[in-house]
Amino acid sequence: MKFCIIVGSSRSEGQSEKVCRLIQTYLNERASCDFIYLREYRIDLCDADNACDLQPCAVNDSVHGLTQRMLDADAVIYVPVVHAYGTNSRFQAFLERVGYGFLRPLGRPLRDKLAGIVVVGRRYAHTSIYSQIVLNILLNKMILVGAGFPATFVGGACDAEATQAMCEMLDRMVEVGRRLWNSENPSAQSGG
């Protein structure tokens, strides 16, 4: 199973990076992880030319390649950070450009991919951002996998409740993925 993890933090070696190491360690040999650190890529704002209604976006930045990495994965985990009661501007621009500029004209190709959310921030607005990403996942016709409580890291990666929620979400994503792919390939269930 292949996970694509989209990380919104502008800082390296911050709390999001620690959370990403937790994800990598926890999934270990059960899945491969492709981490996309948005800070390392050029993500321009939408030019609002509306040409994306009929064809993929023509803005020449990194978004096309990042979209392809999402398409190549079995599951996508969004890791936004809290900035001024919302997610940071780079993550917001990424959501807008991917959703409107690529996924919409291509007929929502992330349909039926598994999705999860891990929000990182100091002390406020975690559930607002979580809700925004849920709506984005639903817009793209993905399958949201949770484990009871949202994985919202408040104040850092040493948040025991958030770590438990995240690990349970990861377990369920692997489990749901196996169930889906086994149901699509009945011979895999019988070993033949």
C-alpha atoms as a PDB file:
ATOM      1  CA  MET A   1       0.000   0.000   0.000  1.00  0.00           C
ATOM      2  CA  LYS A   2       1.285   3.454  -0.879  1.00  0.00           C
ATOM      3  CA  PHE A   3       0.492   6.589   1.115  1.00  0.00           C
ATOM      4  CA  CYS A   4       0.945  10.131  -0.168  1.00  0.00           C
ATOM      5  CA  ILE A   5       1.314  12.507   2.783  1.00  0.00           C
ATOM      6  CA  ILE A   6       0.838  16.199   1.990  1.00  0.00           C
ATOM      7  CA  VAL A   7       2.548  18.369   4.607  1.00  0.00           C
ATOM      8  CA  GLY A   8       1.602  22.037   4.854  1.00  0.00           C
ATOM      9  CA  SER A   9       4.169  23.338   7.332  1.00  0.00           C
ATOM     10  CA  SER A  10       6.506  26.083   6.157  1.00  0.00           C
ATOM     11  CA  ARG A  11       9.123  25.001   8.701  1.00  0.00           C
ATOM     12  CA  SER A  12      11.466  22.051   8.538  1.00  0.00           C
ATOM     13  CA  GLU A  13      12.115  20.222  11.801  1.00  0.00           C
ATOM     14  CA  GLY A  14       8.933  21.616  13.356  1.00  0.00           C
ATOM     15  CA  GLN A  15       6.003  19.759  14.905  1.00  0.00           C
ATOM     16  CA  SER A  16       4.684  18.581  11.531  1.00  0.00           C
ATOM     17  CA  GLU A  17       8.035  16.967  10.783  1.00  0.00           C
ATOM     18  CA  LYS A  18       7.859  15.089  14.093  1.00  0.00           C
ATOM     19  CA  VAL A  19       4.340  13.921  13.249  1.00  0.00           C
ATOM     20  CA  CYS A  20       5.584  12.736   9.838  1.00  0.00           C
ATOM     21  CA  ARG A  21       8.315  10.703  11.527  1.00  0.00           C
ATOM     22  CA  LEU A  22       5.627   9.141  13.741  1.00  0.00           C
ATOM     23  CA  ILE A  23       3.623   8.222  10.622  1.00  0.00           C
ATOM     24  CA  GLN A  24       6.685   6.727   8.897  1.00  0.00           C
ATOM     25  CA  THR A  25       7.700   4.738  11.976  1.00  0.00           C
ATOM     26  CA  TYR A  26       4.183   3.518  12.674  1.00  0.00           C
ATOM     27  CA  LEU A  27       3.480   2.344   9.137  1.00  0.00           C
ATOM     28  CA  ASN A  28       6.995   0.888   8.910  1.00  0.00           C
ATOM     29  CA  GLU A  29       6.770  -2.195   6.687  1.00  0.00           C
ATOM     30  CA  ARG A  30       2.997  -2.133   6.134  1.00  0.00           C
ATOM     31  CA  ALA A  31       3.075   0.697   3.607  1.00  0.00           C
ATOM     32  CA  SER A  32       5.383   2.990   1.683  1.00  0.00           C
ATOM     33  CA  CYS A  33       5.183   6.725   2.293  1.00  0.00           C
ATOM     34  CA  ASP A  34       5.676   9.526  -0.223  1.00  0.00           C
ATOM     35  CA  PHE A  35       5.971  12.745   1.771  1.00  0.00           C
ATOM     36  CA  ILE A  36       5.182  15.942  -0.128  1.00  0.00           C
ATOM     37  CA  TYR A  37       6.501  18.918   1.827  1.00  0.00           C
ATOM     38  CA  LEU A  38       4.708  21.791   0.114  1.00  0.00           C
ATOM     39  CA  ARG A  39       7.392  24.245   1.281  1.00  0.00           C
ATOM     40  CA  GLU A  40       9.781  22.603  -1.207  1.00  0.00           C
ATOM     41  CA  TYR A  41       7.619  23.351  -4.256  1.00  0.00           C
ATOM     42  CA  ARG A  42       6.407  26.318  -6.225  1.00  0.00           C
ATOM     43  CA  ILE A  43       2.653  26.642  -5.832  1.00  0.00           C
ATOM     44  CA  ASP A  44       1.225  29.686  -7.545  1.00  0.00           C
ATOM     45  CA  LEU A  45      -2.172  31.157  -6.806  1.00  0.00           C
ATOM     46  CA  CYS A  46      -5.071  30.339  -9.094  1.00  0.00           C
ATOM     47  CA  ASP A  47      -5.142  32.758 -12.040  1.00  0.00           C
ATOM     48  CA  ALA A  48      -8.972  32.546 -12.197  1.00  0.00           C
ATOM     49  CA  ASP A  49      -9.027  32.337 -15.998  1.00  0.00           C
ATOM     50  CA  ASN A  50     -11.710  29.601 -15.813  1.00  0.00           C
ATOM     51  CA  ALA A  51      -9.954  27.637 -18.569  1.00  0.00           C
ATOM     52  CA  CYS A  52      -9.655  24.781 -16.053  1.00  0.00           C
ATOM     53  CA  ASP A  53     -13.309  23.938 -16.613  1.00  0.00           C
ATOM     54  CA  LEU A  54     -12.343  21.999 -19.717  1.00  0.00           C
ATOM     55  CA  GLN A  55      -8.669  21.108 -19.373  1.00  0.00           C
ATOM     56  CA  PRO A  56      -5.967  20.825 -16.700  1.00  0.00           C
ATOM     57  CA  CYS A  57      -4.563  24.093 -15.400  1.00  0.00           C
ATOM     58  CA  ALA A  58      -1.956  25.795 -17.587  1.00  0.00           C
ATOM     59  CA  VAL A  59      -0.185  27.633 -14.735  1.00  0.00           C
ATOM     60  CA  ASN A  60       3.443  26.494 -14.901  1.00  0.00           C
ATOM     61  CA  ASP A  61       4.398  25.487 -11.355  1.00  0.00           C
ATOM     62  CA  SER A  62       4.818  22.273  -9.336  1.00  0.00           C
ATOM     63  CA  VAL A  63       1.130  21.436  -8.882  1.00  0.00           C
ATOM     64  CA  HIS A  64       0.785  19.152 -11.929  1.00  0.00           C
ATOM     65  CA  GLY A  65       3.577  16.851 -10.693  1.00  0.00           C
ATOM     66  CA  LEU A  66       2.242  16.878  -7.131  1.00  0.00           C
ATOM     67  CA  THR A  67      -1.219  15.949  -8.401  1.00  0.00           C
ATOM     68  CA  GLN A  68       0.290  12.977 -10.232  1.00  0.00           C
ATOM     69  CA  ARG A  69       1.946  11.772  -7.018  1.00  0.00           C
ATOM     70  CA  MET A  70      -1.478  11.855  -5.325  1.00  0.00           C
ATOM     71  CA  LEU A  71      -2.954   9.861  -8.201  1.00  0.00           C
ATOM     72  CA  ASP A  72      -0.162   7.270  -7.923  1.00  0.00           C
ATOM     73  CA  ALA A  73      -0.965   6.599  -4.245  1.00  0.00           C
ATOM     74  CA  ASP A  74      -3.565   4.299  -2.709  1.00  0.00           C
ATOM     75  CA  ALA A  75      -4.242   6.721   0.142  1.00  0.00           C
ATOM     76  CA  VAL A  76      -3.701  10.415   0.816  1.00  0.00           C
ATOM     77  CA  ILE A  77      -3.119  11.958   4.233  1.00  0.00           C
ATOM     78  CA  TYR A  78      -3.475  15.711   4.548  1.00  0.00           C
ATOM     79  CA  VAL A  79      -1.292  17.326   7.257  1.00  0.00           C
ATOM     80  CA  PRO A  80      -2.305  21.008   7.401  1.00  0.00           C
ATOM     81  CA  VAL A  81      -1.049  23.396  10.072  1.00  0.00           C
ATOM     82  CA  VAL A  82      -3.034  26.040  11.936  1.00  0.00           C
ATOM     83  CA  HIS A  83      -2.183  29.655  11.021  1.00  0.00           C
ATOM     84  CA  ALA A  84      -4.439  32.550  12.055  1.00  0.00           C
ATOM     85  CA  TYR A  85      -7.481  30.315  12.632  1.00  0.00           C
ATOM     86  CA  GLY A  86      -7.100  28.625   9.249  1.00  0.00           C
ATOM     87  CA  THR A  87      -4.580  26.613   7.324  1.00  0.00           C
ATOM     88  CA  ASN A  88      -1.539  28.411   5.945  1.00  0.00           C
ATOM     89  CA  SER A  89      -1.710  30.140   2.572  1.00  0.00           C
ATOM     90  CA  ARG A  90       0.473  27.607   0.740  1.00  0.00           C
ATOM     91  CA  PHE A  91      -1.754  24.690   1.786  1.00  0.00           C
ATOM     92  CA  GLN A  92      -4.874  26.659   0.862  1.00  0.00           C
ATOM     93  CA  ALA A  93      -3.434  27.540  -2.550  1.00  0.00           C
ATOM     94  CA  PHE A  94      -2.533  23.877  -3.071  1.00  0.00           C
ATOM     95  CA  LEU A  95      -6.078  22.718  -2.259  1.00  0.00           C
ATOM     96  CA  GLU A  96      -7.573  25.292  -4.616  1.00  0.00           C
ATOM     97  CA  ARG A  97      -5.186  24.616  -7.481  1.00  0.00           C
ATOM     98  CA  VAL A  98      -5.355  20.818  -7.246  1.00  0.00           C
ATOM     99  CA  GLY A  99      -9.114  20.708  -6.810  1.00  0.00           C
ATOM    100  CA  TYR A 100     -10.143  23.297  -9.351  1.00  0.00           C
ATOM    101  CA  GLY A 101      -7.227  23.161 -11.779  1.00  0.00           C
ATOM    102  CA  PHE A 102      -6.653  19.424 -12.088  1.00  0.00           C
ATOM    103  CA  LEU A 103      -9.116  17.170 -10.290  1.00  0.00           C
ATOM    104  CA  ARG A 104     -12.245  18.932 -11.512  1.00  0.00           C
ATOM    105  CA  PRO A 105     -11.498  18.891 -15.276  1.00  0.00           C
ATOM    106  CA  LEU A 106     -10.218  15.305 -15.010  1.00  0.00           C
ATOM    107  CA  GLY A 107     -13.515  14.098 -13.510  1.00  0.00           C
ATOM    108  CA  ARG A 108     -12.345  13.821  -9.870  1.00  0.00           C
ATOM    109  CA  PRO A 109      -9.745  11.053 -10.397  1.00  0.00           C
ATOM    110  CA  LEU A 110      -9.089  10.709  -6.637  1.00  0.00           C
ATOM    111  CA  ARG A 111     -12.530   9.096  -6.408  1.00  0.00           C
ATOM    112  CA  ASP A 112     -12.482   6.076  -4.053  1.00  0.00           C
ATOM    113  CA  LYS A 113      -8.932   6.715  -2.829  1.00  0.00           C
ATOM    114  CA  LEU A 114      -8.622   6.509   0.933  1.00  0.00           C
ATOM    115  CA  ALA A 115      -8.059   9.770   2.771  1.00  0.00           C
ATOM    116  CA  GLY A 116      -7.095  10.810   6.281  1.00  0.00           C
ATOM    117  CA  ILE A 117      -6.354  14.049   8.102  1.00  0.00           C
ATOM    118  CA  VAL A 118      -3.824  15.025  10.773  1.00  0.00           C
ATOM    119  CA  VAL A 119      -3.979  18.676  11.907  1.00  0.00           C
ATOM    120  CA  VAL A 120      -1.004  20.267  13.688  1.00  0.00           C
ATOM    121  CA  GLY A 121      -1.129  23.544  15.622  1.00  0.00           C
ATOM    122  CA  ARG A 122      -0.434  25.271  18.906  1.00  0.00           C
ATOM    123  CA  ARG A 123      -3.798  25.761  20.570  1.00  0.00           C
ATOM    124  CA  TYR A 124      -6.824  26.753  18.474  1.00  0.00           C
ATOM    125  CA  ALA A 125      -8.931  26.169  15.324  1.00  0.00           C
ATOM    126  CA  HIS A 126      -7.887  22.549  14.769  1.00  0.00           C
ATOM    127  CA  THR A 127     -11.415  21.272  14.216  1.00  0.00           C
ATOM    128  CA  SER A 128     -12.236  24.116  11.814  1.00  0.00           C
ATOM    129  CA  ILE A 129      -9.334  23.118   9.600  1.00  0.00           C
ATOM    130  CA  TYR A 130     -10.217  19.448   9.992  1.00  0.00           C
ATOM    131  CA  SER A 131     -13.745  20.241   8.793  1.00  0.00           C
ATOM    132  CA  GLN A 132     -12.444  22.184   5.796  1.00  0.00           C
ATOM    133  CA  ILE A 133     -10.265  19.262   4.712  1.00  0.00           C
ATOM    134  CA  VAL A 134     -13.187  16.836   5.218  1.00  0.00           C
ATOM    135  CA  LEU A 135     -15.225  18.926   2.778  1.00  0.00           C
ATOM    136  CA  ASN A 136     -12.335  18.912   0.296  1.00  0.00           C
ATOM    137  CA  ILE A 137     -12.064  15.123   0.576  1.00  0.00           C
ATOM    138  CA  LEU A 138     -15.800  14.731  -0.001  1.00  0.00           C
ATOM    139  CA  LEU A 139     -15.684  17.154  -2.935  1.00  0.00           C
ATOM    140  CA  ASN A 140     -13.071  14.909  -4.540  1.00  0.00           C
ATOM    141  CA  LYS A 141     -15.213  11.792  -3.888  1.00  0.00           C
ATOM    142  CA  MET A 142     -12.552  10.158  -1.730  1.00  0.00           C
ATOM    143  CA  ILE A 143     -13.230   7.729   1.124  1.00  0.00           C
ATOM    144  CA  LEU A 144     -12.572   9.408   4.481  1.00  0.00           C
ATOM    145  CA  VAL A 145     -11.203   6.958   7.039  1.00  0.00           C
ATOM    146  CA  GLY A 146     -11.266   7.900  10.689  1.00  0.00           C
ATOM    147  CA  ALA A 147     -11.032   6.213  14.046  1.00  0.00           C
ATOM    148  CA  GLY A 148     -13.520   7.967  16.285  1.00  0.00           C
ATOM    149  CA  PHE A 149     -11.638  11.152  17.114  1.00  0.00           C
ATOM    150  CA  PRO A 150      -9.840  13.525  14.733  1.00  0.00           C
ATOM    151  CA  ALA A 151      -6.050  13.400  14.886  1.00  0.00           C
ATOM    152  CA  THR A 152      -5.437  16.982  15.987  1.00  0.00           C
ATOM    153  CA  PHE A 153      -2.039  17.637  17.518  1.00  0.00           C
ATOM    154  CA  VAL A 154      -2.355  20.510  19.990  1.00  0.00           C
ATOM    155  CA  GLY A 155       0.963  21.976  21.034  1.00  0.00           C
ATOM    156  CA  GLY A 156       3.235  19.361  19.514  1.00  0.00           C
ATOM    157  CA  ALA A 157       3.979  15.785  18.596  1.00  0.00           C
ATOM    158  CA  CYS A 158       3.982  14.657  22.244  1.00  0.00           C
ATOM    159  CA  ASP A 159       0.158  14.830  22.313  1.00  0.00           C
ATOM    160  CA  ALA A 160      -0.740  11.288  23.463  1.00  0.00           C
ATOM    161  CA  GLU A 161      -4.422  11.456  22.512  1.00  0.00           C
ATOM    162  CA  ALA A 162      -3.657  12.791  19.027  1.00  0.00           C
ATOM    163  CA  THR A 163      -0.975  10.137  18.555  1.00  0.00           C
ATOM    164  CA  GLN A 164      -3.452   7.415  19.508  1.00  0.00           C
ATOM    165  CA  ALA A 165      -6.126   8.830  17.163  1.00  0.00           C
ATOM    166  CA  MET A 166      -3.593   9.066  14.327  1.00  0.00           C
ATOM    167  CA  CYS A 167      -2.308   5.517  14.845  1.00  0.00           C
ATOM    168  CA  GLU A 168      -5.851   4.154  14.933  1.00  0.00           C
ATOM    169  CA  MET A 169      -6.628   6.090  11.737  1.00  0.00           C
ATOM    170  CA  LEU A 170      -3.516   4.631  10.059  1.00  0.00           C
ATOM    171  CA  ASP A 171      -4.471   1.105  11.176  1.00  0.00           C
ATOM    172  CA  ARG A 172      -7.953   1.568   9.767  1.00  0.00           C
ATOM    173  CA  MET A 173      -6.629   2.984   6.500  1.00  0.00           C
ATOM    174  CA  VAL A 174      -4.460  -0.106   6.009  1.00  0.00           C
ATOM    175  CA  GLU A 175      -7.336  -2.394   7.059  1.00  0.00           C
ATOM    176  CA  VAL A 176      -9.922  -0.685   4.825  1.00  0.00           C
ATOM    177  CA  GLY A 177      -7.459  -0.699   1.936  1.00  0.00           C
ATOM    178  CA  ARG A 178      -6.915  -4.440   2.282  1.00  0.00           C
ATOM    179  CA  ARG A 179     -10.656  -5.086   2.458  1.00  0.00           C
ATOM    180  CA  LEU A 180     -11.345  -2.977  -0.622  1.00  0.00           C
ATOM    181  CA  TRP A 181      -8.610  -4.528  -2.715  1.00  0.00           C
ATOM    182  CA  ASN A 182      -9.447  -8.068  -1.585  1.00  0.00           C
ATOM    183  CA  SER A 183     -13.100  -7.539  -2.524  1.00  0.00           C
ATOM    184  CA  GLU A 184     -12.008  -6.328  -5.965  1.00  0.00           C
ATOM    185  CA  ASN A 185      -9.778  -9.392  -6.377  1.00  0.00           C
ATOM    186  CA  PRO A 186     -11.622 -12.435  -4.918  1.00  0.00           C
ATOM    187  CA  SER A 187      -8.756 -14.775  -5.846  1.00  0.00           C
ATOM    188  CA  ALA A 188      -6.553 -12.885  -3.365  1.00  0.00           C
ATOM    189  CA  GLN A 189      -8.895 -13.922  -0.539  1.00  0.00           C
ATOM    190  CA  SER A 190      -8.688 -17.611  -1.365  1.00  0.00           C
ATOM    191  CA  GLY A 191      -4.941 -17.478  -1.894  1.00  0.00           C
ATOM    192  CA  GLY A 192      -5.273 -18.364  -5.579  1.00  0.00           C
END
